[in-house]
């Protein structure tokens, strides 16, 4: 079974976006962003919640189309309604069993794309194997927390660290 890797940008105070999905303070360019984009090419499967998928609309994603054309998409939502889905886009009901099926079927580790609430649910159910944190040198004060409303407590093991001139750091933690 493949791992679920939560690869996400965060502020120093633990928010993945500001109020109303504002990401304008996050570092948008540079070597760190290029590394992240290159790393995404190693994934063939992505999971996300509805809010994360719909967040992409403001960046040109057409409903029903993939955010990452080279990946199989699994969007977990009980409420999203899309008329036509691309062959590699699937709407799923939130289910631990379904997550495990996806992990087993994937030819690569599974990319967990954003979504504090969905990530919190996965964390609460022991399903996130690794956290790859793109730690931005910003403090937002409020917004979407890294793990939503999760109250799960754990100690991760730092396995990799990379710093960039922009002040951005990539910190990789094993969570299991």
N, C-alpha and C. Protein backbone atom coordinates (compact mmCIF):
# COMPACT_ATOMS: atom_id res chain seq x y z
N UNK A 1 0.85 -1.18 0.00
CA UNK A 1 0.00 0.00 0.00
C UNK A 1 0.90 1.25 0.00
N UNK A 2 0.51 2.23 -0.80
CA UNK A 2 1.25 3.48 -0.89
C UNK A 2 0.97 4.37 0.32
N UNK A 3 1.81 5.38 0.49
CA UNK A 3 1.64 6.35 1.57
C UNK A 3 0.76 7.50 1.11
N UNK A 4 0.11 8.15 2.08
CA UNK A 4 -0.54 9.43 1.83
C UNK A 4 0.42 10.50 2.31
N UNK A 5 0.76 11.42 1.40
CA UNK A 5 1.67 12.51 1.71
C UNK A 5 0.93 13.83 1.60
N UNK A 6 0.84 14.51 2.73
CA UNK A 6 0.21 15.83 2.79
C UNK A 6 1.30 16.84 2.49
N UNK A 7 1.31 17.34 1.26
CA UNK A 7 2.35 18.26 0.76
C UNK A 7 1.68 19.62 0.65
N UNK A 8 1.99 20.52 1.58
CA UNK A 8 1.17 21.72 1.73
C UNK A 8 2.00 22.91 2.20
N UNK A 9 1.60 24.10 1.76
CA UNK A 9 2.19 25.34 2.23
C UNK A 9 1.51 25.75 3.53
N UNK A 10 2.31 26.30 4.44
CA UNK A 10 1.78 26.76 5.72
C UNK A 10 2.48 28.04 6.14
N UNK A 11 1.76 28.84 6.90
CA UNK A 11 2.36 30.00 7.55
C UNK A 11 3.06 29.52 8.83
N UNK A 12 3.84 30.38 9.43
CA UNK A 12 4.51 30.03 10.69
C UNK A 12 3.51 29.72 11.80
N UNK A 13 2.33 30.30 11.72
CA UNK A 13 1.32 30.05 12.74
C UNK A 13 0.31 28.98 12.34
N UNK A 14 0.64 28.18 11.33
CA UNK A 14 -0.12 26.98 11.04
C UNK A 14 -1.36 27.12 10.18
N UNK A 15 -1.40 28.13 9.32
CA UNK A 15 -2.55 28.29 8.43
C UNK A 15 -2.13 28.00 6.99
N UNK A 16 -3.00 27.28 6.25
CA UNK A 16 -2.71 26.96 4.85
C UNK A 16 -3.29 28.01 3.90
N UNK A 17 -4.09 28.90 4.43
CA UNK A 17 -4.54 30.08 3.71
C UNK A 17 -5.06 31.06 4.75
N UNK A 18 -5.20 32.29 4.33
CA UNK A 18 -5.79 33.29 5.21
C UNK A 18 -7.30 33.24 5.13
N UNK A 19 -7.93 34.27 5.61
CA UNK A 19 -9.39 34.39 5.58
C UNK A 19 -9.86 34.39 4.12
N UNK A 20 -10.96 33.72 3.86
CA UNK A 20 -11.55 33.63 2.51
C UNK A 20 -10.59 33.04 1.49
N UNK A 21 -9.73 32.13 1.93
CA UNK A 21 -8.82 31.46 0.99
C UNK A 21 -7.69 32.33 0.49
N UNK A 22 -7.40 33.43 1.15
CA UNK A 22 -6.34 34.34 0.71
C UNK A 22 -4.96 33.68 0.83
N UNK A 23 -4.28 33.54 -0.30
CA UNK A 23 -2.92 32.98 -0.32
C UNK A 23 -1.91 34.00 -0.82
N UNK A 24 -2.29 35.27 -0.86
CA UNK A 24 -1.45 36.31 -1.46
C UNK A 24 -0.13 36.54 -0.71
N UNK A 25 -0.05 36.17 0.56
CA UNK A 25 1.19 36.39 1.31
C UNK A 25 2.18 35.24 1.17
N UNK A 26 1.74 34.10 0.63
CA UNK A 26 2.64 32.96 0.44
C UNK A 26 3.61 33.26 -0.71
N UNK A 27 4.81 32.72 -0.61
CA UNK A 27 5.83 32.94 -1.64
C UNK A 27 5.39 32.25 -2.94
N UNK A 28 5.18 33.04 -4.03
CA UNK A 28 4.62 32.46 -5.26
C UNK A 28 5.64 32.01 -6.31
N UNK A 29 6.91 32.40 -6.15
CA UNK A 29 7.91 32.11 -7.19
C UNK A 29 9.23 31.67 -6.55
N UNK A 30 10.13 31.21 -7.39
CA UNK A 30 11.47 30.90 -6.92
C UNK A 30 11.78 29.42 -6.94
N UNK A 31 12.97 29.10 -6.47
CA UNK A 31 13.46 27.72 -6.52
C UNK A 31 12.61 26.77 -5.70
N UNK A 32 12.09 27.22 -4.58
CA UNK A 32 11.25 26.35 -3.76
C UNK A 32 9.97 25.97 -4.49
N UNK A 33 9.36 26.92 -5.14
CA UNK A 33 8.13 26.66 -5.89
C UNK A 33 8.43 25.74 -7.07
N UNK A 34 9.55 25.95 -7.72
CA UNK A 34 9.96 25.07 -8.83
C UNK A 34 10.18 23.64 -8.33
N UNK A 35 10.78 23.49 -7.15
CA UNK A 35 10.99 22.15 -6.58
C UNK A 35 9.65 21.48 -6.30
N UNK A 36 8.73 22.23 -5.71
CA UNK A 36 7.40 21.69 -5.42
C UNK A 36 6.72 21.21 -6.70
N UNK A 37 6.75 22.05 -7.74
CA UNK A 37 6.12 21.68 -9.01
C UNK A 37 6.77 20.44 -9.62
N UNK A 38 8.09 20.34 -9.52
CA UNK A 38 8.79 19.15 -10.02
C UNK A 38 8.42 17.91 -9.19
N UNK A 39 8.32 18.08 -7.87
CA UNK A 39 7.96 16.95 -7.00
C UNK A 39 6.57 16.41 -7.33
N UNK A 40 5.65 17.29 -7.73
CA UNK A 40 4.30 16.83 -8.05
C UNK A 40 4.28 15.86 -9.23
N UNK A 41 5.27 15.95 -10.09
CA UNK A 41 5.33 15.05 -11.24
C UNK A 41 5.55 13.59 -10.82
N UNK A 42 5.98 13.38 -9.58
CA UNK A 42 6.22 12.02 -9.08
C UNK A 42 4.95 11.34 -8.59
N UNK A 43 3.87 12.09 -8.48
CA UNK A 43 2.60 11.52 -8.02
C UNK A 43 1.71 11.20 -9.22
N UNK A 44 0.95 10.10 -9.10
CA UNK A 44 -0.03 9.74 -10.13
C UNK A 44 -1.46 9.75 -9.57
N UNK A 45 -1.58 9.98 -8.25
CA UNK A 45 -2.89 9.98 -7.60
C UNK A 45 -2.96 11.16 -6.64
N UNK A 46 -4.09 11.88 -6.68
CA UNK A 46 -4.31 12.99 -5.76
C UNK A 46 -5.67 12.84 -5.11
N UNK A 47 -5.73 13.15 -3.81
CA UNK A 47 -7.00 13.18 -3.08
C UNK A 47 -7.16 14.58 -2.52
N UNK A 48 -8.41 15.02 -2.45
CA UNK A 48 -8.70 16.35 -1.91
C UNK A 48 -10.16 16.43 -1.54
N UNK A 49 -10.49 17.45 -0.76
CA UNK A 49 -11.88 17.72 -0.42
C UNK A 49 -12.50 18.67 -1.43
N UNK A 50 -13.78 18.87 -1.30
CA UNK A 50 -14.53 19.73 -2.21
C UNK A 50 -14.00 21.16 -2.22
N UNK A 51 -13.78 21.74 -1.05
CA UNK A 51 -13.35 23.13 -0.98
C UNK A 51 -12.02 23.34 -1.71
N UNK A 52 -11.11 22.41 -1.57
CA UNK A 52 -9.82 22.53 -2.27
C UNK A 52 -10.01 22.46 -3.77
N UNK A 53 -10.83 21.51 -4.22
CA UNK A 53 -11.08 21.40 -5.67
C UNK A 53 -11.72 22.68 -6.19
N UNK A 54 -12.74 23.17 -5.51
CA UNK A 54 -13.43 24.37 -5.96
C UNK A 54 -12.55 25.61 -5.85
N UNK A 55 -11.60 25.63 -4.93
CA UNK A 55 -10.63 26.73 -4.81
C UNK A 55 -9.87 26.90 -6.13
N UNK A 56 -9.63 25.80 -6.81
CA UNK A 56 -8.92 25.84 -8.09
C UNK A 56 -9.68 26.54 -9.20
N UNK A 57 -10.98 26.71 -9.07
CA UNK A 57 -11.76 27.39 -10.11
C UNK A 57 -11.23 28.80 -10.36
N UNK A 58 -10.81 29.48 -9.30
CA UNK A 58 -10.31 30.85 -9.47
C UNK A 58 -8.97 30.91 -10.19
N UNK A 59 -8.36 29.74 -10.40
CA UNK A 59 -7.08 29.68 -11.11
C UNK A 59 -7.25 29.01 -12.49
N UNK A 60 -8.50 28.87 -12.91
CA UNK A 60 -8.76 28.38 -14.25
C UNK A 60 -9.20 26.94 -14.38
N UNK A 61 -9.28 26.21 -13.28
CA UNK A 61 -9.76 24.83 -13.37
C UNK A 61 -11.25 24.86 -13.72
N UNK A 62 -11.62 24.08 -14.70
CA UNK A 62 -13.01 23.97 -15.15
C UNK A 62 -13.64 22.83 -14.35
N UNK A 63 -14.83 23.04 -13.77
CA UNK A 63 -15.48 21.97 -13.01
C UNK A 63 -15.54 20.67 -13.80
N UNK A 64 -15.09 19.60 -13.14
CA UNK A 64 -15.08 18.27 -13.77
C UNK A 64 -13.75 17.93 -14.42
N UNK A 65 -12.88 18.92 -14.58
CA UNK A 65 -11.57 18.69 -15.20
C UNK A 65 -10.51 18.54 -14.11
N UNK A 66 -9.40 17.87 -14.42
CA UNK A 66 -8.37 17.65 -13.42
C UNK A 66 -7.55 18.92 -13.14
N UNK A 67 -7.15 19.06 -11.89
CA UNK A 67 -6.23 20.13 -11.52
C UNK A 67 -4.82 19.78 -11.99
N UNK A 68 -4.51 18.50 -11.99
CA UNK A 68 -3.19 17.98 -12.40
C UNK A 68 -3.45 16.92 -13.46
N UNK A 69 -3.30 17.26 -14.73
CA UNK A 69 -3.69 16.34 -15.81
C UNK A 69 -3.05 14.95 -15.75
N UNK A 70 -1.86 14.83 -15.16
CA UNK A 70 -1.17 13.54 -15.12
C UNK A 70 -1.59 12.67 -13.93
N UNK A 71 -2.52 13.17 -13.11
CA UNK A 71 -2.93 12.43 -11.91
C UNK A 71 -4.38 11.98 -11.97
N UNK A 72 -4.64 10.85 -11.32
CA UNK A 72 -5.99 10.36 -11.06
C UNK A 72 -6.52 11.15 -9.86
N UNK A 73 -7.68 11.80 -10.01
CA UNK A 73 -8.23 12.68 -8.97
C UNK A 73 -9.37 11.99 -8.23
N UNK A 74 -9.34 12.10 -6.90
CA UNK A 74 -10.42 11.62 -6.06
C UNK A 74 -10.84 12.78 -5.18
N UNK A 75 -12.02 13.32 -5.44
CA UNK A 75 -12.53 14.48 -4.72
C UNK A 75 -13.58 13.97 -3.74
N UNK A 76 -13.31 14.15 -2.45
CA UNK A 76 -14.19 13.63 -1.42
C UNK A 76 -15.19 14.70 -1.00
N UNK A 77 -16.48 14.41 -1.29
CA UNK A 77 -17.53 15.36 -0.98
C UNK A 77 -18.89 14.67 -1.02
N UNK A 78 -19.75 15.07 -0.12
CA UNK A 78 -21.13 14.59 -0.14
C UNK A 78 -22.05 15.58 -0.84
N UNK A 79 -21.51 16.76 -1.21
CA UNK A 79 -22.38 17.81 -1.74
C UNK A 79 -22.03 18.30 -3.14
N UNK A 80 -20.83 18.06 -3.62
CA UNK A 80 -20.44 18.60 -4.93
C UNK A 80 -21.27 17.97 -6.04
N UNK A 81 -21.70 18.79 -6.96
CA UNK A 81 -22.49 18.32 -8.11
C UNK A 81 -21.81 18.84 -9.38
N UNK A 82 -21.31 17.92 -10.19
CA UNK A 82 -20.68 18.27 -11.46
C UNK A 82 -21.29 17.38 -12.53
N UNK A 83 -21.77 18.01 -13.59
CA UNK A 83 -22.44 17.28 -14.67
C UNK A 83 -21.52 16.29 -15.39
N UNK A 84 -20.39 16.80 -15.87
CA UNK A 84 -19.48 15.96 -16.66
C UNK A 84 -18.11 15.92 -16.01
N UNK A 85 -17.62 14.71 -15.78
CA UNK A 85 -16.31 14.52 -15.18
C UNK A 85 -15.33 13.96 -16.21
N UNK A 86 -14.11 14.46 -16.20
CA UNK A 86 -13.06 13.88 -17.03
C UNK A 86 -12.84 12.44 -16.57
N UNK A 87 -12.24 11.63 -17.42
CA UNK A 87 -12.01 10.22 -17.09
C UNK A 87 -11.16 10.04 -15.84
N UNK A 88 -10.30 11.01 -15.53
CA UNK A 88 -9.41 10.87 -14.36
C UNK A 88 -9.88 11.70 -13.16
N UNK A 89 -11.17 12.06 -13.14
CA UNK A 89 -11.74 12.79 -12.01
C UNK A 89 -12.91 11.98 -11.45
N UNK A 90 -12.86 11.71 -10.14
CA UNK A 90 -13.88 10.88 -9.49
C UNK A 90 -14.37 11.60 -8.23
N UNK A 91 -15.69 11.60 -8.04
CA UNK A 91 -16.29 12.14 -6.83
C UNK A 91 -16.50 10.96 -5.88
N UNK A 92 -16.05 11.12 -4.64
CA UNK A 92 -16.08 10.02 -3.67
C UNK A 92 -16.82 10.44 -2.41
N UNK A 93 -17.43 9.47 -1.74
CA UNK A 93 -17.98 9.69 -0.40
C UNK A 93 -16.84 9.45 0.59
N UNK A 94 -16.82 10.24 1.67
CA UNK A 94 -15.77 10.11 2.66
C UNK A 94 -15.88 8.74 3.35
N UNK A 95 -14.82 7.94 3.18
CA UNK A 95 -14.83 6.58 3.71
C UNK A 95 -13.39 6.11 3.91
N UNK A 96 -13.11 5.63 5.11
CA UNK A 96 -11.77 5.09 5.38
C UNK A 96 -11.49 3.93 4.44
N UNK A 97 -12.48 3.08 4.22
CA UNK A 97 -12.32 1.94 3.32
C UNK A 97 -11.94 2.40 1.91
N UNK A 98 -12.61 3.44 1.42
CA UNK A 98 -12.32 3.94 0.06
C UNK A 98 -10.91 4.54 -0.02
N UNK A 99 -10.51 5.26 1.02
CA UNK A 99 -9.15 5.81 1.05
C UNK A 99 -8.13 4.68 0.95
N UNK A 100 -8.34 3.63 1.71
CA UNK A 100 -7.40 2.49 1.68
C UNK A 100 -7.40 1.81 0.31
N UNK A 101 -8.55 1.71 -0.32
CA UNK A 101 -8.60 1.15 -1.68
C UNK A 101 -7.76 1.99 -2.64
N UNK A 102 -7.88 3.29 -2.54
CA UNK A 102 -7.11 4.20 -3.40
C UNK A 102 -5.62 4.04 -3.14
N UNK A 103 -5.24 3.95 -1.87
CA UNK A 103 -3.83 3.78 -1.52
C UNK A 103 -3.28 2.47 -2.10
N UNK A 104 -4.07 1.43 -2.05
CA UNK A 104 -3.65 0.13 -2.56
C UNK A 104 -3.54 0.13 -4.08
N UNK A 105 -4.47 0.80 -4.75
CA UNK A 105 -4.51 0.80 -6.21
C UNK A 105 -3.50 1.75 -6.85
N UNK A 106 -3.05 2.76 -6.12
CA UNK A 106 -2.18 3.77 -6.71
C UNK A 106 -0.80 3.20 -7.02
N UNK A 107 -0.25 3.61 -8.17
CA UNK A 107 1.09 3.16 -8.55
C UNK A 107 2.18 4.00 -7.89
N UNK A 108 1.80 5.12 -7.26
CA UNK A 108 2.74 5.97 -6.54
C UNK A 108 2.14 6.32 -5.18
N UNK A 109 2.93 6.98 -4.35
CA UNK A 109 2.36 7.54 -3.14
C UNK A 109 1.23 8.49 -3.54
N UNK A 110 0.31 8.74 -2.62
CA UNK A 110 -0.88 9.54 -2.88
C UNK A 110 -0.65 10.96 -2.35
N UNK A 111 -0.87 11.94 -3.22
CA UNK A 111 -0.72 13.34 -2.87
C UNK A 111 -2.02 13.85 -2.26
N UNK A 112 -1.95 14.27 -1.00
CA UNK A 112 -3.07 14.93 -0.35
C UNK A 112 -2.92 16.41 -0.63
N UNK A 113 -3.81 16.95 -1.45
CA UNK A 113 -3.75 18.34 -1.87
C UNK A 113 -4.61 19.19 -0.96
N UNK A 114 -3.94 20.00 -0.16
CA UNK A 114 -4.63 20.98 0.66
C UNK A 114 -5.82 20.47 1.43
N UNK A 115 -6.58 21.39 1.94
CA UNK A 115 -7.81 21.07 2.62
C UNK A 115 -7.64 20.80 4.09
N UNK A 116 -7.68 21.81 4.92
CA UNK A 116 -7.52 21.64 6.35
C UNK A 116 -8.52 20.69 6.97
N UNK A 117 -9.79 20.81 6.61
CA UNK A 117 -10.82 19.94 7.20
C UNK A 117 -10.62 18.49 6.78
N UNK A 118 -10.40 18.27 5.49
CA UNK A 118 -10.19 16.91 4.99
C UNK A 118 -8.92 16.32 5.58
N UNK A 119 -7.85 17.11 5.64
CA UNK A 119 -6.58 16.64 6.23
C UNK A 119 -6.78 16.31 7.71
N UNK A 120 -7.57 17.11 8.41
CA UNK A 120 -7.86 16.82 9.82
C UNK A 120 -8.59 15.50 10.00
N UNK A 121 -9.56 15.24 9.12
CA UNK A 121 -10.29 13.97 9.17
C UNK A 121 -9.34 12.80 8.90
N UNK A 122 -8.47 12.95 7.91
CA UNK A 122 -7.49 11.89 7.62
C UNK A 122 -6.55 11.68 8.80
N UNK A 123 -6.09 12.77 9.40
CA UNK A 123 -5.20 12.68 10.56
C UNK A 123 -5.91 11.97 11.71
N UNK A 124 -7.15 12.37 11.98
CA UNK A 124 -7.93 11.75 13.06
C UNK A 124 -8.07 10.24 12.85
N UNK A 125 -8.05 9.80 11.61
CA UNK A 125 -8.21 8.38 11.30
C UNK A 125 -6.88 7.68 11.01
N UNK A 126 -5.77 8.34 11.33
CA UNK A 126 -4.45 7.73 11.19
C UNK A 126 -4.05 7.43 9.76
N UNK A 127 -4.52 8.24 8.81
CA UNK A 127 -4.29 7.93 7.40
C UNK A 127 -3.22 8.78 6.72
N UNK A 128 -2.65 9.77 7.40
CA UNK A 128 -1.57 10.56 6.80
C UNK A 128 -0.24 9.97 7.25
N UNK A 129 0.55 9.54 6.29
CA UNK A 129 1.84 8.92 6.60
C UNK A 129 2.96 9.94 6.72
N UNK A 130 2.88 10.97 5.90
CA UNK A 130 3.98 11.93 5.84
C UNK A 130 3.43 13.34 5.61
N UNK A 131 4.08 14.32 6.25
CA UNK A 131 3.76 15.72 6.06
C UNK A 131 4.97 16.39 5.43
N UNK A 132 4.79 16.95 4.23
CA UNK A 132 5.83 17.74 3.58
C UNK A 132 5.34 19.18 3.65
N UNK A 133 5.92 19.91 4.60
CA UNK A 133 5.47 21.25 4.92
C UNK A 133 6.33 22.28 4.21
N UNK A 134 5.69 23.12 3.39
CA UNK A 134 6.37 24.25 2.76
C UNK A 134 6.15 25.43 3.70
N UNK A 135 7.05 25.59 4.65
CA UNK A 135 6.89 26.58 5.71
C UNK A 135 7.31 27.96 5.21
N UNK A 136 6.32 28.83 5.08
CA UNK A 136 6.53 30.20 4.60
C UNK A 136 6.83 31.12 5.78
N UNK A 137 7.74 32.09 5.61
CA UNK A 137 8.10 32.98 6.71
C UNK A 137 7.09 34.11 6.89
N UNK A 138 5.84 33.72 7.12
CA UNK A 138 4.75 34.68 7.28
C UNK A 138 3.90 34.27 8.48
N UNK A 139 3.24 35.23 9.07
CA UNK A 139 2.26 34.99 10.12
C UNK A 139 0.94 35.57 9.62
N UNK A 140 -0.08 34.73 9.57
CA UNK A 140 -1.38 35.16 9.04
C UNK A 140 -2.35 35.58 10.14
N UNK A 141 -2.25 34.99 11.32
CA UNK A 141 -3.14 35.36 12.41
C UNK A 141 -4.46 34.63 12.43
N UNK A 142 -4.98 34.34 11.24
CA UNK A 142 -6.24 33.58 11.13
C UNK A 142 -6.35 33.03 9.72
N UNK A 143 -7.27 32.10 9.56
CA UNK A 143 -7.47 31.48 8.25
C UNK A 143 -7.84 30.02 8.39
N UNK A 144 -7.38 29.22 7.42
CA UNK A 144 -7.67 27.78 7.41
C UNK A 144 -6.51 27.06 8.09
N UNK A 145 -6.77 26.40 9.24
CA UNK A 145 -5.71 25.69 9.95
C UNK A 145 -5.22 24.46 9.16
N UNK A 146 -3.97 24.14 9.35
CA UNK A 146 -3.31 23.02 8.67
C UNK A 146 -4.11 21.73 8.76
N UNK A 147 -4.68 21.45 9.93
CA UNK A 147 -5.46 20.23 10.13
C UNK A 147 -6.89 20.54 10.57
N UNK A 148 -7.45 21.63 10.06
CA UNK A 148 -8.83 21.97 10.35
C UNK A 148 -9.11 22.02 11.84
N UNK A 149 -10.16 21.32 12.26
CA UNK A 149 -10.56 21.30 13.67
C UNK A 149 -10.05 20.07 14.41
N UNK A 150 -9.12 19.33 13.81
CA UNK A 150 -8.61 18.11 14.44
C UNK A 150 -8.01 18.41 15.80
N UNK A 151 -8.25 17.51 16.74
CA UNK A 151 -7.66 17.60 18.09
C UNK A 151 -6.64 16.47 18.29
N UNK A 152 -6.32 15.73 17.21
CA UNK A 152 -5.36 14.64 17.30
C UNK A 152 -3.99 15.17 17.71
N UNK A 153 -3.36 14.45 18.60
CA UNK A 153 -2.02 14.81 19.08
C UNK A 153 -1.05 13.71 18.67
N UNK A 154 0.08 14.10 18.12
CA UNK A 154 1.11 13.12 17.76
C UNK A 154 2.45 13.83 17.67
N UNK A 155 3.51 13.05 17.64
CA UNK A 155 4.86 13.59 17.48
C UNK A 155 5.40 13.04 16.17
N UNK A 156 5.72 13.93 15.24
CA UNK A 156 6.29 13.52 13.97
C UNK A 156 7.81 13.43 14.08
N UNK A 157 8.40 12.72 13.13
CA UNK A 157 9.86 12.59 13.10
C UNK A 157 10.37 13.33 11.86
N UNK A 158 11.19 14.37 12.08
CA UNK A 158 11.76 15.13 10.97
C UNK A 158 12.74 14.24 10.22
N UNK A 159 12.50 14.05 8.91
CA UNK A 159 13.38 13.18 8.13
C UNK A 159 14.12 13.93 7.01
N UNK A 160 13.68 15.16 6.73
CA UNK A 160 14.34 15.93 5.69
C UNK A 160 14.04 17.41 5.91
N UNK A 161 15.05 18.25 5.59
CA UNK A 161 14.89 19.69 5.74
C UNK A 161 15.69 20.37 4.64
N UNK A 162 15.05 21.33 3.99
CA UNK A 162 15.71 22.10 2.94
C UNK A 162 15.30 23.56 3.07
N UNK A 163 16.29 24.46 3.04
CA UNK A 163 16.03 25.89 3.17
C UNK A 163 16.32 26.59 1.86
N UNK A 164 15.59 27.67 1.60
CA UNK A 164 15.74 28.44 0.38
C UNK A 164 16.01 29.89 0.73
N UNK A 165 16.67 30.61 -0.19
CA UNK A 165 17.02 32.01 0.03
C UNK A 165 15.81 32.89 0.33
N UNK A 166 14.65 32.50 -0.15
CA UNK A 166 13.42 33.27 0.07
C UNK A 166 12.96 33.22 1.53
N UNK A 167 13.58 32.34 2.32
CA UNK A 167 13.15 32.14 3.70
C UNK A 167 12.22 30.96 3.85
N UNK A 168 11.77 30.43 2.72
CA UNK A 168 10.89 29.26 2.73
C UNK A 168 11.70 28.02 3.11
N UNK A 169 11.11 27.14 3.89
CA UNK A 169 11.74 25.86 4.25
C UNK A 169 10.81 24.73 3.89
N UNK A 170 11.38 23.63 3.43
CA UNK A 170 10.62 22.40 3.23
C UNK A 170 11.01 21.46 4.36
N UNK A 171 10.03 21.06 5.15
CA UNK A 171 10.25 20.18 6.29
C UNK A 171 9.42 18.92 6.06
N UNK A 172 10.07 17.77 6.06
CA UNK A 172 9.37 16.50 5.83
C UNK A 172 9.36 15.70 7.12
N UNK A 173 8.15 15.33 7.54
CA UNK A 173 7.97 14.58 8.78
C UNK A 173 7.28 13.26 8.50
N UNK A 174 7.78 12.18 9.10
CA UNK A 174 7.03 10.94 9.15
C UNK A 174 6.05 11.08 10.29
N UNK A 175 4.78 10.75 10.05
CA UNK A 175 3.75 10.87 11.08
C UNK A 175 3.34 9.52 11.65
N UNK A 176 3.93 8.46 11.14
CA UNK A 176 3.58 7.12 11.65
C UNK A 176 4.78 6.45 12.24
